Amino acid sequence: MTIAIALIAFVAGFIIDRHVLNSAERPDGDDPKVKAILDLVAQEYVDDVDLDSLMERNIPLILRGLDPHTSYFEPQYSRITKDHPDGVIPDIGIVLINFNDTIHVECIVPAGPSDIAGILPGDCIVKIDGRPTANIKKNPGEVFKLLSGPNGSKLTLSVQRHGYPNVLDFTVTRNKIIKKTLDSHYLLDRNTGYVKVNQFERNTYEEFVQALTQLQNQGAKRFIIDLRGNGGGYMEIAVLMANEFLSAGQPIVSTRGRHKQYNRPYKSDGKGSFQNVELAVLIDEYSASASEIFAGALQDNDRAIIVGRRSFGKGLVQNDFILPDSSIIRLAVARYYTPSGRCIQKDYKHHDARYYDDELLERFKHGELYNRDSMRIDKSQVFTTLHGRTVYGGGGIIPDYFVARDTTGITGYYIDVENNGLLQRFAFTYCEKNRTTLEAMSDYKQFLRTTPIDNDIIKEFAEYAAANGIAPRWYYINKSRNRILTKIKSIIAHDIFGPEGYSSIVNRNDNIVQTALRALSKHKAAFPITE
C-alpha cells in the first residue's frame, strides 16, 4: 500500500494541464516522501527491485482507482495506440472496451473476420492464442499488438459468453477491413430511410449526410438512425450530425471539467439540411459515448423519438497526455451533459472496478433488458426537455419507447450452434458452393425470391451442424426455425450483396426497427414531441 501511495504521488505529478511534458518537468525527486520511500525500497527491500519496472506494473492500477476509462499505454505500445483509436482492431473487425480490467467485445463489423468466426458483442476475451488476458489486460497496447497481424494469418480467441458456462474457442482469420462508419443505408419503405452508424469517426459526418441526401432523393421523408452497438468516437462528429436536425441556437451537449478550458457548451447553427424530417433514433445497452450525445441532444430538444433500451452510460471526456518516455495516459478531464442537464456517465464506485464492469451483466440478471418495469431509474434525478417532457439522469439515455430483447426462437440448440459459430460458417460455406449463381442475381430481393425453399436450408444446416458435433434436435430446430433462417440468409446476403442486403433481411424481423417504423407511421416524431 505504501508503494501505491508513492506511485500515486509520482503519477499525479505528471498529470498537469499540458498534453506533452518535458523531462525537465519530472517531479519524481521533488516530493521528499516519495523519494524517501523509493530510496528505502531500493536500498533495504529484501530482494533487488527494478523501480522502473515496478512503476510500469503499478501505474495502471493507480489510474484504475480514478475511473473505469482512464488508461495507461507503455512506451512500446504508444504508436500502436495511435493507430487504433477507440479500441478499433481493423485486422479482425472488432471493437474492444474496458481494457484495464476485462477485455469486452463492444461491437463486431458485420461479415468481418470476427463475425465470420462467431464472436458476439458482449463476449469477454479471456485468452489470445492461449495466453491468458489476465497477464496483459493492464497494457492495452499489448492487446492491440497481439490481435493485429498480416492478412490471412490466424489467431484463436477464447471467450466467456454470458449465460454459457464453458470457455469458447474461435479461430479468426485476419483480413484488413476498409473502415466505413456507416454499415448500411436504404429505404425501409417508400417514405422511410434507414441509416446504420457503427462509429463516430472523422469521416462519419460526410458519409452520414451523403446517405441522408441519397435517401431523401429516393423519396425518404422520415428517417431511422440506428446506433445500436455503436460505442462512440469523436464528440465533435456527434455534434455535427445532431446539428443537421436542429434549428439555430439549440443546445446539443456541454462539457464540464475541473478547469475552465474544459467547460464548453455546443449549440446548433441552424444550417442543417434535415430540420423538418421526422426522426427515430435506435439505441441499446451497447450504445455509448458519442451515440449518447447524439441521442440525448435530439431527445432533450424533443426532436426525435428514442427507441430501444437504456444506453451504456459512458460520459467522460478523455485526453491523451504524452509522458517524457513516450508513454501515454488517456485521462478523463470532463463529463458530458445533455441539453436538459443530465450527466451521461453512469455511476462508478471508486476502487471497485468489478462493480462497473459487471453493470451490464446486472442488467441481464435484474431483467432490465426484458421488462421496462425492471429498469433501474434514479427518480431523484428528474430533468425536463425543451417542451416539458420528463427525462431522468443517473447515466445513459432512457428510451421513449422501450423494446425488450427478443428471445423468440432461442433454444438450447440455437445457443449451441451459435456459440460454435456454425451459423456463420454454414452461410459462408453455402456462398462458396453457390457463388456463381448468387452473384448472377441482381439484388437480395431476387435472392429471397429464388433461394431454395426454407425446409431445404434448414435440413442442409442441420446436417452441417451434425457433421460439426451438434446433433439435430428437431423439436428445438423447428422452434428456432425463423431465427436460424434469418441469420443464415442475412449473412449470405451481406457476402453477395453488401451491408444493405444484410440489414434489409435482419430488419424485417427486428422488433426495435419495426416499433420505430410504426411510431413514425403514426407521426409520433412530429416536432415538437410532447409524449
Protein backbone atom coordinates (compact mmCIF):
# COMPACT_ATOMS: atom_id res chain seq x y z
CA MET A 1 0.00 0.00 0.00
CA THR A 2 2.90 2.36 0.79
CA ILE A 3 4.36 1.78 -2.65
CA ALA A 4 0.97 2.51 -4.21
CA ILE A 5 0.76 5.81 -2.33
CA ALA A 6 4.20 6.76 -3.54
CA LEU A 7 3.35 5.89 -7.09
CA ILE A 8 0.12 7.86 -6.93
CA ALA A 9 2.10 10.93 -5.97
CA PHE A 10 4.62 10.19 -8.69
CA VAL A 11 1.98 9.87 -11.43
CA ALA A 12 -0.03 12.82 -10.16
CA GLY A 13 3.00 15.00 -10.79
CA PHE A 14 2.84 14.16 -14.47
CA ILE A 15 -0.82 14.99 -14.91
CA ILE A 16 -0.89 18.73 -15.30
CA ASP A 17 -2.67 20.90 -17.79
CA ARG A 18 -0.45 20.07 -20.79
CA HIS A 19 -0.54 17.34 -23.39
CA VAL A 20 3.23 16.81 -23.50
CA LEU A 21 5.58 17.00 -20.52
CA ASN A 22 9.30 17.62 -20.79
CA SER A 23 11.86 15.62 -18.85
CA ALA A 24 12.90 18.79 -17.03
CA GLU A 25 9.43 18.94 -15.51
CA ARG A 26 9.58 15.46 -13.96
CA PRO A 27 8.54 15.75 -10.29
CA ASP A 28 9.80 12.40 -9.01
CA GLY A 29 12.55 13.95 -6.93
CA ASP A 30 10.56 16.93 -5.72
CA ASP A 31 8.47 15.18 -3.09
CA PRO A 32 10.63 14.16 -0.11
CA LYS A 33 8.24 11.43 0.97
CA VAL A 34 8.11 9.86 -2.47
CA LYS A 35 11.89 9.98 -2.76
CA ALA A 36 12.33 8.55 0.74
CA ILE A 37 10.01 5.62 0.04
CA LEU A 38 11.60 4.78 -3.30
CA ASP A 39 15.10 5.04 -1.79
CA LEU A 40 14.02 2.81 1.07
CA VAL A 41 12.70 0.15 -1.31
CA ALA A 42 15.82 0.34 -3.47
CA GLN A 43 18.23 0.08 -0.54
CA GLU A 44 16.53 -2.02 2.12
CA TYR A 45 13.96 -4.30 0.48
CA VAL A 46 14.79 -8.00 0.82
CA ASP A 47 15.05 -8.52 -2.97
CA ASP A 48 16.56 -6.45 -5.73
CA VAL A 49 13.87 -4.23 -7.23
CA ASP A 50 13.77 -2.63 -10.67
CA LEU A 51 11.96 0.58 -9.77
CA ASP A 52 11.18 1.41 -13.40
CA SER A 53 9.52 -1.98 -13.88
CA LEU A 54 7.68 -1.52 -10.60
CA MET A 55 6.33 1.79 -11.85
CA GLU A 56 5.16 0.32 -15.17
CA ARG A 57 3.32 -2.52 -13.45
CA ASN A 58 1.54 -0.33 -10.92
CA ILE A 59 0.64 2.82 -12.82
CA PRO A 60 -2.41 1.12 -14.45
CA LEU A 61 -3.61 0.04 -11.00
CA ILE A 62 -3.35 3.59 -9.72
CA LEU A 63 -5.22 5.06 -12.66
CA ARG A 64 -7.90 2.39 -12.33
CA GLY A 65 -8.73 3.97 -8.98
CA LEU A 66 -9.75 7.17 -10.75
CA ASP A 67 -12.43 5.95 -13.16
CA PRO A 68 -13.08 2.92 -15.37
CA HIS A 69 -11.90 4.51 -18.63
CA THR A 70 -8.64 6.27 -17.77
CA SER A 71 -5.84 4.15 -19.27
CA TYR A 72 -2.06 3.90 -19.41
CA PHE A 73 -0.11 2.85 -22.51
CA GLU A 74 3.53 1.83 -22.14
CA PRO A 75 6.09 3.49 -24.44
CA GLN A 76 6.46 0.49 -26.74
CA TYR A 77 2.71 0.49 -27.36
CA SER A 78 2.07 4.20 -27.83
CA ARG A 79 2.40 4.02 -31.63
CA ILE A 80 0.01 1.08 -31.77
CA THR A 81 -2.40 3.04 -29.60
CA LYS A 82 -2.37 5.95 -32.05
CA ASP A 83 -3.02 3.55 -34.92
CA HIS A 84 -6.05 2.05 -33.15
CA PRO A 85 -8.13 4.88 -31.68
CA ASP A 86 -11.23 3.99 -29.67
CA GLY A 87 -10.35 0.30 -29.45
CA VAL A 88 -10.86 -0.48 -33.14
CA ILE A 89 -8.94 -3.54 -34.36
CA PRO A 90 -9.43 -3.42 -38.16
CA ASP A 91 -7.46 -6.63 -38.76
CA ILE A 92 -10.20 -8.75 -37.21
CA GLY A 93 -13.24 -6.44 -37.45
CA ILE A 94 -13.79 -5.88 -33.75
CA VAL A 95 -14.13 -3.06 -31.23
CA LEU A 96 -12.99 -3.60 -27.64
CA ILE A 97 -13.69 -1.73 -24.40
CA ASN A 98 -12.69 -1.76 -20.72
CA PHE A 99 -9.10 -2.77 -21.28
CA ASN A 100 -7.93 -2.05 -17.76
CA ASP A 101 -9.85 -4.79 -16.05
CA THR A 102 -11.62 -7.07 -18.51
CA ILE A 103 -11.47 -7.14 -22.28
CA HIS A 104 -15.02 -6.95 -23.64
CA VAL A 105 -16.12 -7.09 -27.25
CA GLU A 106 -18.15 -3.94 -27.76
CA CYS A 107 -19.24 -4.46 -31.34
CA ILE A 108 -18.48 -6.51 -34.44
CA VAL A 109 -18.09 -5.43 -38.07
CA PRO A 110 -20.85 -7.36 -39.92
CA ALA A 111 -19.36 -10.14 -42.07
CA GLY A 112 -15.87 -9.21 -40.84
CA PRO A 113 -13.35 -11.81 -39.61
CA SER A 114 -14.71 -11.95 -36.05
CA ASP A 115 -18.32 -12.12 -37.23
CA ILE A 116 -17.45 -14.95 -39.59
CA ALA A 117 -15.75 -16.81 -36.75
CA GLY A 118 -18.76 -16.42 -34.43
CA ILE A 119 -17.62 -13.78 -31.93
CA LEU A 120 -20.53 -11.81 -30.45
CA PRO A 121 -20.87 -8.37 -28.80
CA GLY A 122 -20.57 -8.73 -25.04
CA ASP A 123 -18.08 -11.61 -25.21
CA CYS A 124 -15.23 -11.35 -22.72
CA ILE A 125 -11.86 -12.33 -24.19
CA VAL A 126 -10.03 -14.47 -21.64
CA LYS A 127 -7.22 -15.81 -23.85
CA ILE A 128 -5.47 -14.70 -27.04
CA ASP A 129 -3.68 -17.59 -28.77
CA GLY A 130 -3.70 -19.45 -25.47
CA ARG A 131 -2.23 -16.56 -23.50
CA PRO A 132 -4.46 -15.52 -20.57
CA THR A 133 -5.50 -11.91 -20.86
CA ALA A 134 -5.19 -11.62 -17.10
CA ASN A 135 -1.46 -11.22 -17.74
CA ILE A 136 -1.78 -8.50 -20.38
CA LYS A 137 -5.06 -6.67 -19.87
CA LYS A 138 -3.43 -3.80 -17.99
CA ASN A 139 -1.47 -2.91 -21.13
CA PRO A 140 -3.97 -2.05 -23.87
CA GLY A 141 -1.24 -1.60 -26.46
CA GLU A 142 -0.11 -5.18 -25.96
CA VAL A 143 -3.66 -6.34 -26.61
CA PHE A 144 -3.66 -4.41 -29.89
CA LYS A 145 -0.33 -5.94 -30.83
CA LEU A 146 -1.48 -9.50 -30.20
CA LEU A 147 -4.74 -9.08 -32.11
CA SER A 148 -3.26 -7.29 -35.11
CA GLY A 149 -1.31 -9.11 -37.80
CA PRO A 150 -0.81 -9.73 -41.51
CA ASN A 151 -3.68 -10.61 -43.82
CA GLY A 152 -4.53 -14.30 -43.87
CA SER A 153 -2.85 -15.11 -40.55
CA LYS A 154 -4.94 -16.79 -37.88
CA LEU A 155 -5.40 -16.37 -34.15
CA THR A 156 -7.51 -18.13 -31.54
CA LEU A 157 -9.75 -16.10 -29.25
CA SER A 158 -11.06 -17.81 -26.13
CA VAL A 159 -14.16 -16.06 -24.83
CA GLN A 160 -16.50 -16.25 -21.89
CA ARG A 161 -20.08 -15.68 -23.05
CA HIS A 162 -22.94 -14.57 -20.84
CA GLY A 163 -25.24 -17.44 -19.95
CA TYR A 164 -22.82 -20.11 -21.19
CA PRO A 165 -20.63 -21.87 -18.59
CA ASN A 166 -17.78 -23.04 -20.83
CA VAL A 167 -14.99 -21.01 -22.39
CA LEU A 168 -15.48 -20.96 -26.18
CA ASP A 169 -12.60 -21.02 -28.68
CA PHE A 170 -12.87 -19.29 -32.06
CA THR A 171 -10.32 -19.22 -34.87
CA VAL A 172 -10.24 -15.80 -36.54
CA THR A 173 -8.54 -15.21 -39.89
CA ARG A 174 -7.15 -11.68 -40.05
CA ASN A 175 -8.19 -9.60 -43.04
CA LYS A 176 -7.76 -5.85 -43.43
CA ILE A 177 -11.13 -4.11 -43.45
CA ILE A 178 -11.83 -0.88 -45.28
CA LYS A 179 -13.12 1.24 -42.46
CA LYS A 180 -16.61 2.54 -43.21
CA THR A 181 -18.53 4.01 -40.33
CA LEU A 182 -21.95 3.55 -41.94
CA ASP A 183 -22.86 -0.12 -42.13
CA SER A 184 -25.80 0.43 -44.44
CA HIS A 185 -28.45 2.84 -45.65
CA TYR A 186 -31.56 2.04 -47.67
CA LEU A 187 -35.31 2.66 -47.87
CA LEU A 188 -37.32 0.62 -45.37
CA ASP A 189 -40.45 1.66 -47.21
CA ARG A 190 -41.10 4.35 -49.78
CA ASN A 191 -41.18 7.09 -47.10
CA THR A 192 -38.65 5.88 -44.51
CA GLY A 193 -34.89 5.91 -44.81
CA TYR A 194 -32.74 3.70 -42.58
CA VAL A 195 -29.13 4.53 -41.68
CA LYS A 196 -26.93 2.27 -39.53
CA VAL A 197 -23.96 4.10 -37.96
CA ASN A 198 -21.33 1.87 -36.32
CA GLN A 199 -18.90 4.55 -35.06
CA PHE A 200 -18.31 8.28 -34.92
CA GLU A 201 -15.04 8.71 -36.80
CA ARG A 202 -13.52 11.62 -38.74
CA ASN A 203 -15.29 10.61 -41.96
CA THR A 204 -18.66 9.72 -40.41
CA TYR A 205 -20.32 13.13 -40.81
CA GLU A 206 -19.67 13.28 -44.55
CA GLU A 207 -20.85 9.67 -45.02
CA PHE A 208 -23.92 10.39 -42.92
CA VAL A 209 -25.03 13.50 -44.82
CA GLN A 210 -24.42 11.77 -48.16
CA ALA A 211 -26.57 8.81 -47.07
CA LEU A 212 -29.41 11.04 -45.85
CA THR A 213 -29.31 13.09 -49.04
CA GLN A 214 -29.33 10.00 -51.23
CA LEU A 215 -32.30 8.53 -49.36
CA GLN A 216 -34.15 11.83 -49.45
CA ASN A 217 -33.67 11.97 -53.21
CA GLN A 218 -35.16 8.48 -53.37
CA GLY A 219 -38.27 9.68 -51.54
CA ALA A 220 -37.50 9.42 -47.81
CA LYS A 221 -39.48 11.90 -45.72
CA ARG A 222 -38.52 10.44 -42.35
CA PHE A 223 -35.51 8.55 -41.01
CA ILE A 224 -34.46 5.85 -38.59
CA ILE A 225 -30.89 6.31 -37.30
CA ASP A 226 -29.61 3.03 -35.84
CA LEU A 227 -26.93 3.49 -33.14
CA ARG A 228 -27.27 0.08 -31.53
CA GLY A 229 -23.88 -1.39 -30.69
CA ASN A 230 -22.20 1.93 -31.50
CA GLY A 231 -19.56 2.52 -28.84
CA GLY A 232 -18.97 6.14 -29.80
CA GLY A 233 -15.95 8.01 -31.10
CA TYR A 234 -15.42 11.72 -31.65
CA MET A 235 -17.75 14.05 -29.80
CA GLU A 236 -17.35 16.73 -32.49
CA ILE A 237 -18.78 14.38 -35.13
CA ALA A 238 -21.84 13.63 -32.99
CA VAL A 239 -22.36 17.39 -32.59
CA LEU A 240 -22.17 17.96 -36.36
CA MET A 241 -24.62 15.14 -37.01
CA ALA A 242 -27.13 16.37 -34.42
CA ASN A 243 -26.79 19.87 -35.87
CA GLU A 244 -28.31 18.64 -39.14
CA PHE A 245 -31.70 18.19 -37.44
CA LEU A 246 -31.87 21.25 -35.14
CA SER A 247 -32.89 24.87 -35.64
CA ALA A 248 -30.47 27.65 -34.72
CA GLY A 249 -29.40 28.14 -31.12
CA GLN A 250 -30.46 24.76 -29.75
CA PRO A 251 -28.12 23.22 -27.15
CA ILE A 252 -26.54 19.95 -28.24
CA VAL A 253 -24.16 19.00 -25.43
CA SER A 254 -21.93 20.63 -22.85
CA THR A 255 -18.71 19.52 -21.19
CA ARG A 256 -17.75 20.37 -17.64
CA GLY A 257 -14.39 19.67 -16.05
CA ARG A 258 -12.09 20.78 -13.29
CA HIS A 259 -10.51 23.51 -15.41
CA LYS A 260 -12.28 26.24 -17.33
CA GLN A 261 -10.89 25.23 -20.71
CA TYR A 262 -12.92 22.02 -20.47
CA ASN A 263 -16.20 23.85 -19.79
CA ARG A 264 -17.88 24.41 -23.12
CA PRO A 265 -21.44 24.46 -24.49
CA TYR A 266 -22.17 23.33 -28.06
CA LYS A 267 -25.17 24.76 -29.91
CA SER A 268 -26.72 24.29 -33.34
CA ASP A 269 -26.08 26.87 -36.06
CA GLY A 270 -29.37 26.47 -37.94
CA LYS A 271 -27.66 25.38 -41.16
CA GLY A 272 -28.71 21.73 -41.01
CA SER A 273 -30.40 20.32 -44.09
CA PHE A 274 -32.84 17.99 -42.33
CA GLN A 275 -34.56 20.20 -39.77
CA ASN A 276 -38.09 19.22 -40.82
CA VAL A 277 -37.89 15.44 -41.16
CA GLU A 278 -39.40 13.11 -38.57
CA LEU A 279 -36.76 11.06 -36.83
CA ALA A 280 -36.32 7.95 -34.68
CA VAL A 281 -33.01 7.00 -33.04
CA LEU A 282 -32.36 3.38 -32.03
CA ILE A 283 -30.16 2.60 -29.02
CA ASP A 284 -29.32 -0.36 -26.81
CA GLU A 285 -27.10 -1.25 -23.88
CA TYR A 286 -24.00 -1.12 -26.12
CA SER A 287 -24.66 2.41 -27.42
CA ALA A 288 -22.14 4.64 -25.67
CA SER A 289 -20.37 8.00 -25.57
CA ALA A 290 -20.94 9.90 -28.85
CA SER A 291 -24.04 7.76 -29.51
CA GLU A 292 -25.46 9.00 -26.23
CA ILE A 293 -24.56 12.61 -27.04
CA PHE A 294 -26.46 12.37 -30.33
CA ALA A 295 -29.50 10.60 -28.84
CA GLY A 296 -29.59 12.83 -25.77
CA ALA A 297 -29.43 16.03 -27.81
CA LEU A 298 -32.36 15.04 -30.02
CA GLN A 299 -34.41 13.69 -27.12
CA ASP A 300 -33.93 16.76 -24.93
CA ASN A 301 -34.84 19.08 -27.81
CA ASP A 302 -38.00 16.99 -28.46
CA ARG A 303 -36.66 16.45 -31.96
CA ALA A 304 -36.61 12.62 -32.19
CA ILE A 305 -38.16 9.62 -30.53
CA ILE A 306 -35.65 7.27 -28.91
CA VAL A 307 -36.43 3.57 -29.32
CA GLY A 308 -34.79 0.52 -27.76
CA ARG A 309 -33.16 0.03 -24.37
CA ARG A 310 -31.16 2.17 -21.92
CA SER A 311 -27.77 3.05 -23.33
CA PHE A 312 -24.41 2.16 -21.77
CA GLY A 313 -23.71 5.36 -19.82
CA LYS A 314 -20.20 6.50 -20.84
CA GLY A 315 -19.93 10.24 -20.50
CA LEU A 316 -16.29 11.03 -19.75
CA VAL A 317 -14.22 13.35 -21.93
CA GLN A 318 -10.72 11.92 -22.34
CA ASN A 319 -7.45 13.49 -23.44
CA ASP A 320 -4.15 11.80 -24.23
CA PHE A 321 -1.18 13.09 -22.24
CA ILE A 322 2.22 12.08 -23.61
CA LEU A 323 4.85 11.49 -20.94
CA PRO A 324 8.60 12.09 -21.42
CA ASP A 325 9.28 8.42 -22.27
CA SER A 326 6.53 8.45 -24.97
CA SER A 327 4.10 6.52 -22.81
CA ILE A 328 0.54 7.83 -22.80
CA ILE A 329 -2.04 8.46 -20.11
CA ARG A 330 -5.56 8.67 -21.51
CA LEU A 331 -7.14 10.76 -18.76
CA ALA A 332 -10.73 11.77 -18.06
CA VAL A 333 -10.79 15.58 -17.91
CA ALA A 334 -14.53 16.39 -18.06
CA ARG A 335 -18.04 14.96 -18.26
CA TYR A 336 -20.71 15.22 -20.94
CA TYR A 337 -24.12 16.73 -20.14
CA THR A 338 -27.21 16.65 -22.35
CA PRO A 339 -29.17 19.89 -23.04
CA SER A 340 -31.52 19.26 -20.10
CA GLY A 341 -28.53 18.91 -17.76
CA ARG A 342 -28.35 15.12 -17.49
CA CYS A 343 -24.91 13.63 -16.93
CA ILE A 344 -24.43 10.79 -19.40
CA GLN A 345 -21.87 8.96 -17.25
CA LYS A 346 -23.34 6.17 -15.13
CA ASP A 347 -22.23 5.72 -11.56
CA TYR A 348 -18.91 4.07 -10.81
CA LYS A 349 -17.67 3.23 -7.35
CA HIS A 350 -14.07 4.23 -6.89
CA HIS A 351 -11.73 1.29 -6.32
CA ASP A 352 -14.43 -1.16 -7.33
CA ALA A 353 -13.78 -1.92 -11.00
CA ARG A 354 -15.77 -5.14 -10.87
CA TYR A 355 -18.94 -3.26 -9.99
CA TYR A 356 -18.62 -1.11 -13.11
CA ASP A 357 -17.56 -3.89 -15.45
CA ASP A 358 -20.38 -6.14 -14.26
CA GLU A 359 -23.06 -3.47 -14.55
CA LEU A 360 -24.30 -4.73 -17.92
CA LEU A 361 -24.41 -8.26 -16.54
CA GLU A 362 -26.50 -6.94 -13.66
CA ARG A 363 -28.98 -5.55 -16.17
CA PHE A 364 -29.37 -9.08 -17.56
CA LYS A 365 -29.81 -10.56 -14.09
CA HIS A 366 -32.21 -7.86 -12.95
CA GLY A 367 -34.39 -8.31 -16.01
CA GLU A 368 -33.95 -4.77 -17.33
CA LEU A 369 -33.35 -5.94 -20.89
CA TYR A 370 -36.66 -7.83 -20.91
CA ASN A 371 -39.04 -5.62 -18.93
CA ARG A 372 -39.27 -1.83 -18.75
CA ASP A 373 -40.56 -2.03 -15.18
CA SER A 374 -37.25 -3.64 -14.18
CA MET A 375 -35.25 -0.68 -15.43
CA ARG A 376 -33.35 0.98 -12.60
CA ILE A 377 -34.27 4.65 -12.92
CA ASP A 378 -32.96 7.19 -10.45
CA LYS A 379 -36.18 9.08 -9.74
CA SER A 380 -34.22 11.66 -7.75
CA GLN A 381 -32.59 12.92 -10.96
CA VAL A 382 -35.53 14.48 -12.78
CA PHE A 383 -34.98 16.74 -15.79
CA THR A 384 -37.22 18.41 -18.34
CA THR A 385 -36.94 18.52 -22.13
CA LEU A 386 -37.39 21.68 -24.19
CA HIS A 387 -41.18 21.26 -24.31
CA GLY A 388 -41.72 19.87 -20.83
CA ARG A 389 -41.32 16.09 -21.07
CA THR A 390 -39.79 14.37 -18.05
CA VAL A 391 -36.48 12.58 -18.52
CA TYR A 392 -34.16 11.03 -15.95
CA GLY A 393 -30.46 11.23 -15.25
CA GLY A 394 -28.26 8.73 -13.49
CA GLY A 395 -26.35 7.50 -16.52
CA GLY A 396 -27.23 6.58 -20.07
CA ILE A 397 -30.20 7.60 -22.19
CA ILE A 398 -33.56 6.07 -21.32
CA PRO A 399 -35.65 5.45 -24.46
CA ASP A 400 -39.09 6.89 -25.07
CA TYR A 401 -40.19 3.53 -26.48
CA PHE A 402 -38.77 0.56 -24.62
CA VAL A 403 -38.39 -2.64 -26.65
CA ALA A 404 -37.43 -5.81 -24.82
CA ARG A 405 -34.65 -8.02 -26.05
CA ASP A 406 -36.14 -10.56 -28.42
CA THR A 407 -35.85 -14.12 -27.10
CA THR A 408 -38.20 -15.69 -29.63
CA GLY A 409 -36.72 -18.87 -31.02
CA ILE A 410 -33.77 -19.02 -28.63
CA THR A 411 -33.44 -22.67 -27.64
CA GLY A 412 -30.62 -24.83 -26.34
CA TYR A 413 -29.96 -25.98 -29.90
CA TYR A 414 -29.75 -22.44 -31.24
CA ILE A 415 -27.38 -21.42 -28.44
CA ASP A 416 -25.13 -24.40 -29.20
CA VAL A 417 -24.89 -23.73 -32.94
CA GLU A 418 -24.39 -20.01 -32.42
CA ASN A 419 -21.76 -20.46 -29.72
CA ASN A 420 -19.84 -22.77 -32.01
CA GLY A 421 -20.00 -20.30 -34.90
CA LEU A 422 -21.86 -22.81 -37.10
CA LEU A 423 -24.45 -20.39 -38.46
CA GLN A 424 -21.76 -18.10 -39.82
CA ARG A 425 -19.59 -20.92 -41.11
CA PHE A 426 -22.51 -22.63 -42.86
CA ALA A 427 -23.58 -19.39 -44.52
CA PHE A 428 -20.11 -18.72 -45.90
CA THR A 429 -19.72 -22.33 -46.99
CA TYR A 430 -23.06 -22.01 -48.79
CA CYS A 431 -21.83 -18.84 -50.51
CA GLU A 432 -18.67 -20.52 -51.76
CA LYS A 433 -20.59 -23.51 -53.14
CA ASN A 434 -23.16 -21.34 -54.92
CA ARG A 435 -21.22 -18.13 -55.63
CA THR A 436 -21.64 -18.16 -59.41
CA THR A 437 -25.40 -18.48 -59.16
CA LEU A 438 -25.70 -15.97 -56.33
CA GLU A 439 -23.56 -13.31 -57.97
CA ALA A 440 -25.66 -13.53 -61.13
CA MET A 441 -28.66 -12.24 -59.15
CA SER A 442 -29.49 -8.55 -59.38
CA ASP A 443 -30.07 -7.93 -55.68
CA TYR A 444 -31.02 -9.51 -52.36
CA LYS A 445 -34.72 -9.39 -53.29
CA GLN A 446 -34.10 -11.75 -56.18
CA PHE A 447 -32.07 -13.92 -53.82
CA LEU A 448 -35.03 -14.15 -51.44
CA ARG A 449 -37.39 -14.99 -54.29
CA THR A 450 -35.20 -17.70 -55.83
CA THR A 451 -33.31 -19.17 -52.87
CA PRO A 452 -34.01 -22.86 -52.09
CA ILE A 453 -37.11 -23.40 -50.02
CA ASP A 454 -36.67 -22.87 -46.28
CA ASN A 455 -37.13 -26.55 -45.45
CA ASP A 456 -34.15 -27.45 -47.65
CA ILE A 457 -31.92 -24.81 -45.99
CA ILE A 458 -32.91 -25.99 -42.51
CA LYS A 459 -32.28 -29.63 -43.44
CA GLU A 460 -28.90 -28.83 -45.00
CA PHE A 461 -27.89 -26.76 -41.99
CA ALA A 462 -28.90 -29.47 -39.51
CA GLU A 463 -26.72 -31.95 -41.43
CA TYR A 464 -23.84 -29.46 -41.44
CA ALA A 465 -24.19 -28.89 -37.68
CA ALA A 466 -24.33 -32.63 -37.04
CA ALA A 467 -21.10 -33.10 -39.00
CA ASN A 468 -19.57 -30.48 -36.71
CA GLY A 469 -20.64 -32.09 -33.45
CA ILE A 470 -24.13 -30.68 -32.77
CA ALA A 471 -26.71 -33.45 -33.07
CA PRO A 472 -30.09 -32.47 -34.58
CA ARG A 473 -32.94 -31.95 -32.13
CA TRP A 474 -35.87 -31.31 -34.42
CA TYR A 475 -38.30 -30.05 -31.81
CA TYR A 476 -35.88 -27.25 -30.92
CA ILE A 477 -34.76 -26.71 -34.52
CA ASN A 478 -38.37 -26.04 -35.50
CA LYS A 479 -38.84 -23.62 -32.58
CA SER A 480 -35.69 -21.76 -33.72
CA ARG A 481 -36.52 -22.05 -37.40
CA ASN A 482 -37.17 -18.37 -38.19
CA ARG A 483 -34.16 -17.19 -36.19
CA ILE A 484 -31.86 -19.69 -37.91
CA LEU A 485 -33.14 -18.81 -41.38
CA THR A 486 -32.87 -15.05 -40.78
CA LYS A 487 -29.30 -15.38 -39.56
CA ILE A 488 -28.16 -17.59 -42.44
CA LYS A 489 -29.90 -15.57 -45.15
CA SER A 490 -28.65 -12.24 -43.81
CA ILE A 491 -25.03 -13.42 -43.78
CA ILE A 492 -25.33 -14.79 -47.32
CA ALA A 493 -26.92 -11.52 -48.47
CA HIS A 494 -24.10 -9.50 -46.88
CA ASP A 495 -21.44 -11.61 -48.54
CA ILE A 496 -23.01 -11.33 -52.00
CA PHE A 497 -24.89 -8.01 -52.00
CA GLY A 498 -23.24 -5.97 -49.23
CA PRO A 499 -24.46 -4.34 -45.99
CA GLU A 500 -27.84 -3.26 -47.37
CA GLY A 501 -28.70 -6.88 -48.14
CA TYR A 502 -27.80 -7.90 -44.59
CA SER A 503 -29.75 -5.10 -42.89
CA SER A 504 -32.78 -5.50 -45.13
CA ILE A 505 -33.23 -9.13 -44.12
CA VAL A 506 -32.46 -8.67 -40.43
CA ASN A 507 -34.67 -5.60 -40.02
CA ARG A 508 -37.79 -7.36 -41.34
CA ASN A 509 -37.95 -9.29 -38.05
CA ASP A 510 -36.27 -6.72 -35.80
CA ASN A 511 -38.68 -5.59 -33.08
CA ILE A 512 -36.87 -2.31 -32.40
CA VAL A 513 -36.86 -1.32 -36.07
CA GLN A 514 -40.48 -2.29 -36.50
CA THR A 515 -41.53 -0.40 -33.35
CA ALA A 516 -39.80 2.74 -34.65
CA LEU A 517 -41.39 2.30 -38.07
CA ARG A 518 -44.89 2.01 -36.58
CA ALA A 519 -44.35 5.09 -34.40
CA LEU A 520 -43.10 7.13 -37.37
CA SER A 521 -46.07 5.99 -39.45
CA LYS A 522 -48.33 7.46 -36.76
CA HIS A 523 -46.28 10.71 -36.78
CA LYS A 524 -45.20 10.25 -33.16
CA ALA A 525 -41.93 12.02 -34.04
CA ALA A 526 -43.55 15.19 -35.40
CA PHE A 527 -41.87 18.23 -33.83
CA PRO A 528 -42.35 19.12 -31.07
CA ILE A 529 -42.67 15.71 -29.45
CA THR A 530 -44.88 16.05 -26.38
CA GLU A 531 -45.47 12.49 -25.22
